[in-house]
Amino acid sequence: METEPKNLIFKLGAKLLLGLIDNETVSKNLSNAIIQQISASVKINYEKKNWSKDFFIIVLGSTGMQTMSFGSDVDLIFVVRNSKN
């Protein structure tokens, strides 16, 4: 899957306009791309910030339900029990 946001949005938008994909496919692709970005950011920060292993992230709304659209925002809650910093 394309992970560069601008390229992904352009490609999905063009395919949707041409009738090559439906709204559900757009939603799932957008949601999956955002979740991949969140996972990559968590990995980087976990290593750089020396987080404890006792944390989780709640992905709310359209991202968590995989119903994102081009105008959706991303709602996250980070819960870290014991930060080492």
Protein backbone atom coordinates (compact mmCIF):
# COMPACT_ATOMS: atom_id res chain seq x y z
CA MET A 1 0.00 0.00 0.00
CA GLU A 2 1.14 3.54 -0.76
CA THR A 3 2.15 5.26 2.46
CA GLU A 4 3.00 8.75 1.15
CA PRO A 5 -0.16 10.68 2.14
CA LYS A 6 -0.35 13.09 -0.81
CA ASN A 7 0.19 10.31 -3.36
CA LEU A 8 -2.32 8.05 -1.66
CA ILE A 9 -5.00 10.73 -1.51
CA PHE A 10 -4.46 11.65 -5.16
CA LYS A 11 -4.55 8.03 -6.34
CA LEU A 12 -7.63 7.15 -4.30
CA GLY A 13 -9.42 10.32 -5.40
CA ALA A 14 -8.70 9.69 -9.07
CA LYS A 15 -9.80 6.06 -8.86
CA LEU A 16 -12.98 7.05 -7.02
CA LEU A 17 -13.83 9.73 -9.61
CA LEU A 18 -13.25 7.28 -12.44
CA GLY A 19 -15.49 4.72 -10.77
CA LEU A 20 -12.67 2.19 -10.38
CA ILE A 21 -13.19 1.87 -6.61
CA ASP A 22 -16.06 2.53 -4.21
CA ASN A 23 -16.29 4.61 -1.02
CA GLU A 24 -15.76 1.57 1.19
CA THR A 25 -12.44 0.81 -0.50
CA VAL A 26 -11.37 4.44 -0.09
CA SER A 27 -12.29 4.34 3.61
CA LYS A 28 -10.39 1.15 4.30
CA ASN A 29 -7.30 2.30 2.39
CA LEU A 30 -7.22 5.68 4.15
CA SER A 31 -7.72 4.07 7.56
CA ASN A 32 -5.04 1.44 6.97
CA ALA A 33 -2.55 4.06 5.78
CA ILE A 34 -3.15 6.20 8.87
CA ILE A 35 -2.80 3.19 11.18
CA GLN A 36 0.49 2.31 9.47
CA GLN A 37 1.72 5.87 10.03
CA ILE A 38 0.71 5.72 13.68
CA SER A 39 2.50 2.38 14.11
CA ALA A 40 5.67 3.74 12.51
CA SER A 41 5.57 6.85 14.73
CA VAL A 42 5.06 4.75 17.84
CA LYS A 43 8.04 2.57 16.97
CA ILE A 44 10.29 5.60 16.46
CA ASN A 45 9.15 7.30 19.66
CA TYR A 46 9.30 4.08 21.65
CA GLU A 47 12.99 3.80 20.76
CA LYS A 48 13.90 7.51 21.01
CA LYS A 49 11.88 8.40 24.11
CA ASN A 50 12.66 5.14 25.88
CA TRP A 51 8.99 4.50 26.71
CA SER A 52 8.13 1.69 29.02
CA LYS A 53 6.49 -1.34 27.43
CA ASP A 54 3.36 -0.63 29.42
CA PHE A 55 1.38 1.59 27.01
CA PHE A 56 -1.38 1.45 24.47
CA ILE A 57 -3.04 3.69 21.92
CA ILE A 58 -6.76 3.98 21.37
CA VAL A 59 -7.76 4.91 17.82
CA LEU A 60 -11.20 6.50 17.89
CA GLY A 61 -13.85 7.53 15.40
CA SER A 62 -13.68 6.96 11.68
CA THR A 63 -10.06 5.80 11.77
CA GLY A 64 -10.74 3.02 14.24
CA MET A 65 -13.93 2.01 12.47
CA GLN A 66 -12.25 2.17 9.03
CA THR A 67 -14.82 4.63 7.72
CA MET A 68 -12.49 7.53 6.93
CA SER A 69 -13.16 9.99 4.15
CA PHE A 70 -10.91 12.62 2.60
CA GLY A 71 -12.01 15.18 5.21
CA SER A 72 -11.67 12.94 8.29
CA ASP A 73 -9.54 13.80 11.27
CA VAL A 74 -7.66 11.34 13.46
CA ASP A 75 -8.56 10.97 17.13
CA LEU A 76 -6.03 9.18 19.34
CA ILE A 77 -5.60 8.58 23.05
CA PHE A 78 -2.13 7.61 24.26
CA VAL A 79 -1.95 5.86 27.61
CA VAL A 80 1.50 5.29 29.15
CA ARG A 81 1.69 3.87 32.65
CA ASN A 82 5.32 4.56 33.53
CA SER A 83 7.40 6.75 31.28
CA LYS A 84 11.12 6.37 31.92
CA ASN A 85 11.73 10.07 31.19
